[in-house]
Amino acid sequence: MPVVTVRPNIQVKGHDELPYIICSNYFGTNLAQLMRLLKFAGIFLIVAGTMLGLIFYVNWDAFRTVYDNRDSISEGSEWVPKTYSIDGLLEYVLVHPEQVSIVSFQPGNPTEGIFYGSDIPRVYGSSGMALHLGEFYRQVSKSIINPDSLISSDALGRYVISGIDESSFRNAVNDAEKAGYINENGKIRLEDLFYLNLVKGNLHVHDYMLMLLGRDNTDRLVRNLGYDMDAPIPFTGLHILSVGGLFNRSQEEQLEYLERLDPDNLFDMAWYYTGKFLNDGNFRTQVHTYTERTGLNLNFIQMRRLYNLLPKIKPMDMALIMQSVLSRSYVSSEVSARVHEKLRWPENRSLIRNSMKTYAAAYDSRMSMLNGVDMGSSYDGLTEKIQVVMFQQLPVSMWMHMSSNFINQELQRLLITDPVLWDKAQRMTDEIL
């Protein structure tokens, strides 16, 4: 192999200039390899950069949300590792009585049981679906509405506000289509809308049904029940009211204004702005134009404050409503039976089928709030309970933790199926009371 001696100006202390001996074909072969390596690295960096950019673009709202709420996300984080077990969750319950209510008793015996925070008014949200169902089936029994009427998804979509929970509506409709509730013409039976409400917790369907039933009718139902409780309101109007820019206020100023309002005035306004959004084209355009740029624009703490303004009921009263459903004295025997049947949707889940003989429930999850209203009997039929479990004003990290693993629903299931746990929970809560 021919060798070439090259004498560049290389100096080493204690030596003369040193020859740098290289192979005559060094630059040829190795330079080609180096160029291939650089080409590969360049392509890799371009592809990786593009993919990373796409990830950030697609998830930008999520990244921004996390960044904007970086302080609140750590709130209560010390409890997260302690509450992966039911025992740990019970410890949290006892330490935070202002955040939790638990009612659990045998049907027909509402004086003996667990009554932890049972008289503290709590937001009920979608866990109060017995109210919607009761009025719905009352009107069905009077032939006021036809449960077989076909409703288009476009009619439901009118309740969607640009930039606010749009994906929730799309996902709920897609799931309903996969489950066979939506026909080839994009329509769904009126009665089957409760699938989107009960199973998917969709607020747009919640509001559609509420507007269909009519405020006067749902208010009358609540009055006839005789409990000190608020009647349900549409979320659409509340969300519009929370957008400070529509009322020439900052978000914080608008939220403080809403918090100062008398609840009845706030509820009137929620109904008014829902109707205005549906029927006033100019106002509807104004809302869409603003919110498609800003969204709801509330941080997690502000969202918690907003949803705490929703209608409330004492957990004990909610449990008594469920008892009237079970005893067939809610509105009427026929209505009670149909409400109960619709609330038994969780029985399709394998976990429920394998551990419960009967089970009916309605749940709700909002920022810092997890509610569950249920009644059922264990698989062996030895235990039967009516229950209301409400976690409210939770630290953000605890809400994220619990809503991701549904440990609150597991607590409710075990309070029915595990007599030892029920006795323990009763003993522990009685000591606090």
Protein backbone atom coordinates (compact mmCIF):
# COMPACT_ATOMS: atom_id res chain seq x y z
CA MET A 1 0.00 0.00 0.00
CA PRO A 2 1.62 3.29 -1.04
CA VAL A 3 2.33 5.69 1.80
CA VAL A 4 2.54 9.46 1.63
CA THR A 5 4.36 11.47 4.27
CA VAL A 6 2.83 14.82 5.05
CA ARG A 7 4.66 17.37 7.21
CA PRO A 8 2.15 19.92 8.46
CA ASN A 9 3.22 22.42 11.13
CA ILE A 10 2.55 20.10 14.12
CA GLN A 11 4.66 20.89 17.17
CA VAL A 12 5.03 18.70 20.26
CA LYS A 13 7.03 19.92 23.19
CA GLY A 14 10.50 18.35 23.24
CA HIS A 15 10.32 17.17 19.63
CA ASP A 16 10.80 18.55 16.17
CA GLU A 17 7.91 18.68 13.76
CA LEU A 18 6.32 15.24 13.62
CA PRO A 19 5.33 13.59 10.38
CA TYR A 20 1.63 12.78 10.09
CA ILE A 21 1.49 9.44 8.27
CA ILE A 22 -1.80 8.72 6.48
CA CYS A 23 -3.00 6.25 3.96
CA SER A 24 -3.24 7.64 0.47
CA ASN A 25 -6.85 6.42 0.13
CA TYR A 26 -7.91 7.57 3.63
CA PHE A 27 -10.07 10.48 2.48
CA GLY A 28 -11.73 8.46 -0.25
CA THR A 29 -13.26 5.51 1.66
CA ASN A 30 -13.69 7.16 5.07
CA LEU A 31 -15.06 10.40 3.68
CA ALA A 32 -17.79 8.48 1.86
CA GLN A 33 -18.65 6.67 5.08
CA LEU A 34 -18.67 9.94 6.96
CA MET A 35 -20.99 11.52 4.39
CA ARG A 36 -23.38 8.55 4.61
CA LEU A 37 -23.37 8.88 8.40
CA LEU A 38 -24.04 12.60 8.24
CA LYS A 39 -26.82 12.04 5.72
CA PHE A 40 -28.45 9.44 7.97
CA ALA A 41 -28.08 11.71 11.01
CA GLY A 42 -29.59 14.60 9.08
CA ILE A 43 -32.59 12.55 7.95
CA PHE A 44 -33.05 11.21 11.48
CA LEU A 45 -32.98 14.68 12.98
CA ILE A 46 -35.44 16.00 10.40
CA VAL A 47 -37.87 13.11 10.96
CA ALA A 48 -37.49 13.26 14.75
CA GLY A 49 -37.94 17.03 14.74
CA THR A 50 -41.02 16.75 12.53
CA MET A 51 -42.57 14.07 14.73
CA LEU A 52 -41.81 16.06 17.88
CA GLY A 53 -43.31 19.14 16.27
CA LEU A 54 -46.44 17.22 15.32
CA ILE A 55 -46.75 15.86 18.86
CA PHE A 56 -46.51 19.37 20.29
CA TYR A 57 -48.93 20.72 17.66
CA VAL A 58 -51.57 18.02 18.18
CA ASN A 59 -51.27 18.17 21.98
CA TRP A 60 -50.57 21.87 22.30
CA ASP A 61 -53.73 22.54 24.28
CA ALA A 62 -52.82 19.76 26.71
CA PHE A 63 -49.24 21.02 27.11
CA ARG A 64 -50.49 24.55 27.63
CA THR A 65 -53.10 23.39 30.14
CA VAL A 66 -50.51 21.53 32.19
CA TYR A 67 -48.13 24.51 32.08
CA ASP A 68 -50.83 27.01 33.06
CA ASN A 69 -51.89 24.78 35.97
CA ARG A 70 -48.46 23.61 37.09
CA ASP A 71 -48.96 24.95 40.63
CA SER A 72 -52.49 23.63 41.15
CA ILE A 73 -51.59 20.16 39.83
CA SER A 74 -49.29 19.66 42.83
CA GLU A 75 -52.10 20.59 45.24
CA GLY A 76 -52.80 17.64 47.56
CA SER A 77 -50.22 15.45 45.81
CA GLU A 78 -48.97 14.07 49.13
CA TRP A 79 -52.21 12.07 49.40
CA VAL A 80 -51.98 10.40 45.99
CA PRO A 81 -49.58 7.55 46.95
CA LYS A 82 -51.59 6.94 50.13
CA THR A 83 -54.94 6.44 48.40
CA TYR A 84 -54.35 3.58 45.98
CA SER A 85 -56.09 1.33 48.51
CA ILE A 86 -59.58 1.50 49.98
CA ASP A 87 -58.10 1.78 53.48
CA GLY A 88 -56.03 4.75 52.36
CA LEU A 89 -59.08 6.36 50.76
CA LEU A 90 -61.06 5.92 53.99
CA GLU A 91 -58.23 7.65 55.86
CA TYR A 92 -58.51 10.56 53.42
CA VAL A 93 -62.28 10.67 53.99
CA LEU A 94 -61.86 10.94 57.75
CA VAL A 95 -59.22 13.68 57.53
CA HIS A 96 -61.28 15.78 55.06
CA PRO A 97 -64.92 15.78 56.24
CA GLU A 98 -65.53 19.10 54.45
CA GLN A 99 -64.88 17.38 51.10
CA VAL A 100 -66.76 14.09 51.47
CA SER A 101 -70.26 12.81 52.19
CA ILE A 102 -71.17 9.12 52.47
CA VAL A 103 -74.68 7.79 52.98
CA SER A 104 -75.29 4.03 53.00
CA PHE A 105 -78.25 2.14 54.46
CA GLN A 106 -80.47 -0.86 53.86
CA PRO A 107 -83.63 -0.18 51.82
CA GLY A 108 -86.54 0.63 54.11
CA ASN A 109 -84.26 1.41 57.05
CA PRO A 110 -82.91 4.95 56.54
CA THR A 111 -82.26 5.53 60.26
CA GLU A 112 -79.44 3.01 60.64
CA GLY A 113 -76.34 3.10 58.49
CA ILE A 114 -73.49 5.40 57.48
CA PHE A 115 -74.44 9.08 57.52
CA TYR A 116 -71.17 10.94 57.10
CA GLY A 117 -71.76 14.54 56.02
CA SER A 118 -75.28 13.52 55.03
CA ASP A 119 -76.83 16.95 55.62
CA ILE A 120 -74.19 19.07 53.86
CA PRO A 121 -75.63 20.45 50.58
CA ARG A 122 -73.52 19.12 47.70
CA VAL A 123 -73.52 19.70 43.95
CA TYR A 124 -75.19 16.71 42.29
CA GLY A 125 -74.67 17.31 38.55
CA SER A 126 -75.31 14.25 36.39
CA SER A 127 -75.57 11.99 39.44
CA GLY A 128 -79.08 13.44 39.79
CA MET A 129 -80.26 11.71 36.62
CA ALA A 130 -83.24 10.30 38.52
CA LEU A 131 -84.71 13.81 38.21
CA HIS A 132 -84.39 13.88 34.41
CA LEU A 133 -85.62 10.31 34.09
CA GLY A 134 -88.56 10.89 36.42
CA GLU A 135 -89.86 13.86 34.44
CA PHE A 136 -89.09 12.15 31.11
CA TYR A 137 -91.12 9.03 31.90
CA ARG A 138 -93.91 11.10 33.48
CA GLN A 139 -94.29 12.91 30.17
CA VAL A 140 -94.06 9.60 28.29
CA SER A 141 -96.85 8.16 30.47
CA LYS A 142 -99.00 11.20 29.61
CA SER A 143 -98.17 10.87 25.87
CA ILE A 144 -96.59 14.33 25.94
CA ILE A 145 -93.39 13.06 24.35
CA ASN A 146 -92.69 9.96 22.27
CA PRO A 147 -89.64 7.96 23.43
CA ASP A 148 -89.28 6.51 19.91
CA SER A 149 -88.87 9.90 18.25
CA LEU A 150 -85.69 10.09 16.17
CA ILE A 151 -83.26 12.89 16.99
CA SER A 152 -80.39 13.97 14.74
CA SER A 153 -76.92 14.52 16.12
CA ASP A 154 -77.11 18.01 14.58
CA ALA A 155 -79.91 18.88 17.01
CA LEU A 156 -77.66 17.84 19.89
CA GLY A 157 -74.69 19.67 18.37
CA ARG A 158 -76.49 22.98 18.71
CA TYR A 159 -75.51 22.89 22.38
CA VAL A 160 -71.80 22.70 21.58
CA ILE A 161 -69.92 25.96 22.20
CA SER A 162 -66.82 26.42 20.02
CA GLY A 163 -63.64 25.73 21.94
CA ILE A 164 -65.50 24.28 24.94
CA ASP A 165 -65.73 20.50 25.29
CA GLU A 166 -66.17 19.93 21.54
CA SER A 167 -64.20 16.67 21.59
CA SER A 168 -66.44 15.30 24.34
CA PHE A 169 -69.46 15.61 22.06
CA ARG A 170 -67.70 14.03 19.07
CA ASN A 171 -66.44 11.14 21.17
CA ALA A 172 -69.85 10.53 22.74
CA VAL A 173 -71.57 10.45 19.34
CA ASN A 174 -68.89 8.12 17.92
CA ASP A 175 -69.27 5.77 20.89
CA ALA A 176 -73.06 5.77 20.53
CA GLU A 177 -72.69 4.93 16.84
CA LYS A 178 -70.34 2.04 17.62
CA ALA A 179 -72.77 0.78 20.26
CA GLY A 180 -75.54 0.71 17.64
CA TYR A 181 -77.68 3.54 19.01
CA ILE A 182 -77.30 5.78 15.95
CA ASN A 183 -78.82 4.58 12.68
CA GLU A 184 -77.45 4.93 9.14
CA ASN A 185 -79.17 8.32 8.83
CA GLY A 186 -77.32 9.71 11.82
CA LYS A 187 -80.35 9.66 14.13
CA ILE A 188 -80.91 8.25 17.61
CA ARG A 189 -84.08 7.34 19.52
CA LEU A 190 -85.04 9.97 22.08
CA GLU A 191 -85.03 7.43 24.92
CA ASP A 192 -81.59 6.17 23.90
CA LEU A 193 -80.13 9.63 24.50
CA PHE A 194 -79.83 8.56 28.11
CA TYR A 195 -76.99 6.29 26.97
CA LEU A 196 -74.99 9.42 26.13
CA ASN A 197 -76.02 11.01 29.40
CA LEU A 198 -75.71 8.14 31.88
CA VAL A 199 -72.85 6.17 30.35
CA LYS A 200 -70.85 8.96 28.71
CA GLY A 201 -71.79 11.87 30.96
CA ASN A 202 -72.25 14.17 27.99
CA LEU A 203 -73.35 17.66 29.02
CA HIS A 204 -74.76 18.63 25.62
CA VAL A 205 -77.26 15.78 25.78
CA HIS A 206 -77.95 16.68 29.42
CA ASP A 207 -78.94 20.18 28.30
CA TYR A 208 -80.93 18.99 25.28
CA MET A 209 -83.05 16.73 27.48
CA LEU A 210 -83.47 19.45 30.10
CA MET A 211 -84.70 21.97 27.52
CA LEU A 212 -87.00 19.36 26.00
CA LEU A 213 -88.57 18.54 29.36
CA GLY A 214 -89.02 22.22 30.19
CA ARG A 215 -87.92 24.23 33.18
CA ASP A 216 -91.43 24.60 34.63
CA ASN A 217 -91.86 20.82 34.62
CA THR A 218 -88.52 19.95 36.24
CA ASP A 219 -89.01 22.72 38.82
CA ARG A 220 -92.47 21.35 39.63
CA LEU A 221 -91.05 17.83 40.05
CA VAL A 222 -88.46 19.11 42.52
CA ARG A 223 -91.08 21.06 44.49
CA ASN A 224 -93.34 18.01 44.68
CA LEU A 225 -90.51 15.91 46.10
CA GLY A 226 -90.57 18.18 49.14
CA TYR A 227 -86.83 18.35 49.75
CA ASP A 228 -84.73 21.48 50.29
CA MET A 229 -82.86 21.19 46.98
CA ASP A 230 -82.13 23.09 43.80
CA ALA A 231 -83.68 22.13 40.46
CA PRO A 232 -81.27 21.23 37.63
CA ILE A 233 -79.97 23.88 35.22
CA PRO A 234 -78.32 23.69 31.77
CA PHE A 235 -74.52 23.75 31.68
CA THR A 236 -74.56 25.71 28.40
CA GLY A 237 -75.74 28.90 30.06
CA LEU A 238 -73.34 28.49 32.98
CA HIS A 239 -70.40 28.07 30.62
CA ILE A 240 -71.42 31.18 28.67
CA LEU A 241 -71.72 33.13 31.92
CA SER A 242 -68.20 32.11 32.89
CA VAL A 243 -66.61 33.72 29.81
CA GLY A 244 -65.63 37.11 31.18
CA GLY A 245 -64.80 38.64 27.78
CA LEU A 246 -68.43 38.36 26.70
CA PHE A 247 -69.36 40.65 29.60
CA ASN A 248 -66.38 43.04 29.42
CA ARG A 249 -64.76 41.52 32.49
CA SER A 250 -61.65 39.48 33.14
CA GLN A 251 -62.16 35.80 33.92
CA GLU A 252 -61.47 36.35 37.60
CA GLU A 253 -63.79 39.38 37.79
CA GLN A 254 -66.59 37.43 36.11
CA LEU A 255 -66.15 34.44 38.40
CA GLU A 256 -66.22 36.65 41.49
CA TYR A 257 -69.38 38.29 40.13
CA LEU A 258 -71.07 34.91 39.71
CA GLU A 259 -70.03 33.84 43.21
CA ARG A 260 -71.70 36.96 44.67
CA LEU A 261 -75.02 36.26 42.95
CA ASP A 262 -77.93 34.73 44.80
CA PRO A 263 -78.21 31.12 43.53
CA ASP A 264 -81.74 31.66 42.21
CA ASN A 265 -80.56 34.64 40.16
CA LEU A 266 -77.62 32.64 38.82
CA PHE A 267 -79.89 29.76 37.82
CA ASP A 268 -82.29 32.17 36.08
CA MET A 269 -79.37 33.59 34.11
CA ALA A 270 -78.13 30.12 33.15
CA TRP A 271 -81.53 29.27 31.66
CA TYR A 272 -81.78 32.67 29.95
CA TYR A 273 -78.38 32.50 28.24
CA THR A 274 -78.95 28.91 27.15
CA GLY A 275 -82.14 29.97 25.37
CA LYS A 276 -80.45 33.06 23.94
CA PHE A 277 -77.57 30.95 22.59
CA LEU A 278 -80.02 28.58 20.88
CA ASN A 279 -82.41 31.16 19.46
CA ASP A 280 -80.52 34.43 18.92
CA GLY A 281 -78.33 34.06 15.81
CA ASN A 282 -76.29 37.20 16.45
CA PHE A 283 -75.55 36.26 20.06
CA ARG A 284 -74.72 32.70 19.02
CA THR A 285 -72.19 34.00 16.49
CA GLN A 286 -70.73 36.36 19.08
CA VAL A 287 -70.21 33.52 21.53
CA HIS A 288 -68.68 31.19 18.95
CA THR A 289 -66.37 33.88 17.60
CA TYR A 290 -65.01 34.64 21.05
CA THR A 291 -64.75 31.14 22.51
CA GLU A 292 -63.16 29.51 19.46
CA ARG A 293 -60.14 31.72 20.24
CA THR A 294 -60.17 31.44 24.03
CA GLY A 295 -62.08 28.30 24.99
CA LEU A 296 -63.40 28.28 28.55
CA ASN A 297 -60.12 29.95 29.60
CA LEU A 298 -60.39 28.97 33.26
CA ASN A 299 -57.56 27.39 35.21
CA PHE A 300 -58.26 24.30 37.31
CA ILE A 301 -58.90 26.23 40.51
CA GLN A 302 -61.31 28.58 38.73
CA MET A 303 -63.13 25.61 37.18
CA ARG A 304 -63.53 24.12 40.64
CA ARG A 305 -65.07 27.37 41.86
CA LEU A 306 -67.38 27.57 38.83
CA TYR A 307 -68.78 24.06 39.19
CA ASN A 308 -69.31 24.60 42.90
CA LEU A 309 -72.05 27.05 41.87
CA LEU A 310 -74.18 24.27 40.33
CA PRO A 311 -77.47 23.16 41.96
CA LYS A 312 -77.12 21.31 45.27
CA ILE A 313 -78.93 18.70 47.33
CA LYS A 314 -78.32 17.11 50.71
CA PRO A 315 -76.86 13.60 50.17
CA MET A 316 -79.45 12.11 52.52
CA ASP A 317 -82.28 13.55 50.44
CA MET A 318 -80.74 12.14 47.27
CA ALA A 319 -80.60 8.72 48.94
CA LEU A 320 -84.26 9.00 49.90
CA ILE A 321 -85.16 9.78 46.28
CA MET A 322 -83.37 6.59 45.25
CA GLN A 323 -85.28 4.68 47.93
CA SER A 324 -88.56 5.97 46.51
CA VAL A 325 -87.45 4.71 43.07
CA LEU A 326 -86.77 1.27 44.54
CA SER A 327 -90.06 1.19 46.48
CA ARG A 328 -91.99 2.31 43.34
CA SER A 329 -93.27 5.50 44.99
CA TYR A 330 -91.28 7.97 42.86
CA VAL A 331 -93.75 10.00 40.75
CA SER A 332 -95.76 6.83 40.07
CA SER A 333 -95.25 3.07 40.19
CA GLU A 334 -94.85 2.91 36.39
CA VAL A 335 -92.41 5.83 36.29
CA SER A 336 -90.38 4.40 39.18
CA ALA A 337 -90.02 1.05 37.44
CA ARG A 338 -88.82 2.64 34.20
CA VAL A 339 -86.39 4.95 36.01
CA HIS A 340 -84.97 2.01 37.93
CA GLU A 341 -84.58 -0.04 34.78
CA LYS A 342 -82.70 2.75 33.00
CA LEU A 343 -80.36 3.26 35.97
CA ARG A 344 -79.35 -0.42 35.85
CA TRP A 345 -77.04 0.21 32.88
CA PRO A 346 -73.86 -0.74 34.88
CA GLU A 347 -75.05 -4.35 35.04
CA ASN A 348 -73.59 -4.77 31.54
CA ARG A 349 -70.09 -4.44 32.98
CA SER A 350 -68.33 -7.70 33.82
CA LEU A 351 -67.11 -6.50 37.22
CA ILE A 352 -70.66 -5.67 38.26
CA ARG A 353 -72.12 -8.88 36.80
CA ASN A 354 -69.60 -10.98 38.73
CA SER A 355 -70.10 -9.29 42.10
CA MET A 356 -73.66 -7.94 42.18
CA LYS A 357 -77.10 -9.46 41.85
CA THR A 358 -78.66 -6.10 40.98
CA TYR A 359 -77.07 -2.69 40.58
CA ALA A 360 -78.36 0.75 39.53
CA ALA A 361 -76.27 3.91 39.51
CA ALA A 362 -75.62 7.40 38.19
CA TYR A 363 -72.23 9.11 38.37
CA ASP A 364 -70.80 12.55 37.79
CA SER A 365 -67.27 13.86 37.35
CA ARG A 366 -66.38 17.55 37.12
CA MET A 367 -63.17 19.31 38.05
CA SER A 368 -62.48 18.50 41.74
CA MET A 369 -65.81 16.65 42.06
CA LEU A 370 -66.72 12.95 41.92
CA ASN A 371 -70.27 11.85 42.72
CA GLY A 372 -71.92 8.47 42.81
CA VAL A 373 -75.54 7.53 43.56
CA ASP A 374 -76.26 3.80 43.58
CA MET A 375 -78.34 0.97 44.95
CA GLY A 376 -77.87 -2.76 44.64
CA SER A 377 -77.49 -6.15 46.24
CA SER A 378 -74.49 -8.45 46.46
CA TYR A 379 -74.16 -11.48 44.23
CA ASP A 380 -75.23 -13.83 47.05
CA GLY A 381 -78.17 -11.56 47.85
CA LEU A 382 -77.16 -11.23 51.50
CA THR A 383 -76.51 -7.49 51.51
CA GLU A 384 -78.44 -4.67 49.89
CA LYS A 385 -77.74 -0.95 50.12
CA ILE A 386 -78.85 2.47 48.91
CA GLN A 387 -75.90 4.86 48.75
CA VAL A 388 -74.72 8.36 47.93
CA VAL A 389 -70.98 9.07 47.91
CA MET A 390 -69.82 12.60 47.06
CA PHE A 391 -66.26 13.93 46.87
CA GLN A 392 -66.23 17.71 46.29
CA GLN A 393 -63.72 20.55 46.31
CA LEU A 394 -60.96 17.95 45.98
CA PRO A 395 -57.36 19.07 45.48
CA VAL A 396 -56.59 18.91 41.77
CA SER A 397 -54.03 16.10 42.03
CA MET A 398 -56.44 13.98 44.09
CA TRP A 399 -59.24 14.52 41.58
CA MET A 400 -56.95 13.50 38.70
CA HIS A 401 -55.80 10.45 40.63
CA MET A 402 -59.28 9.29 41.63
CA SER A 403 -60.93 10.01 38.28
CA SER A 404 -58.25 7.96 36.52
CA ASN A 405 -58.67 4.79 38.58
CA PHE A 406 -62.36 5.14 39.65
CA ILE A 407 -61.48 4.21 43.22
CA ASN A 408 -64.55 6.12 44.46
CA GLN A 409 -66.79 3.77 42.45
CA GLU A 410 -64.85 0.79 43.80
CA LEU A 411 -65.52 2.07 47.33
CA GLN A 412 -69.24 2.18 46.60
CA ARG A 413 -69.27 -1.32 45.13
CA LEU A 414 -67.39 -2.77 48.11
CA LEU A 415 -69.65 -1.05 50.62
CA ILE A 416 -72.43 -3.19 49.13
CA THR A 417 -70.56 -6.47 48.66
CA ASP A 418 -68.16 -6.48 51.65
CA PRO A 419 -69.96 -6.42 55.03
CA VAL A 420 -66.65 -6.27 56.91
CA LEU A 421 -65.63 -3.10 55.07
CA TRP A 422 -69.08 -1.59 55.59
CA ASP A 423 -68.89 -2.24 59.36
CA LYS A 424 -65.40 -0.73 59.46
CA ALA A 425 -66.50 2.38 57.54
CA GLN A 426 -69.53 2.81 59.78
CA ARG A 427 -67.42 2.48 62.93
CA MET A 428 -64.77 4.92 61.67
CA THR A 429 -67.24 7.58 60.53
CA ASP A 430 -69.33 7.27 63.70
CA GLU A 431 -66.22 8.05 65.74
CA ILE A 432 -65.76 11.29 63.77
CA LEU A 433 -69.41 12.24 64.13
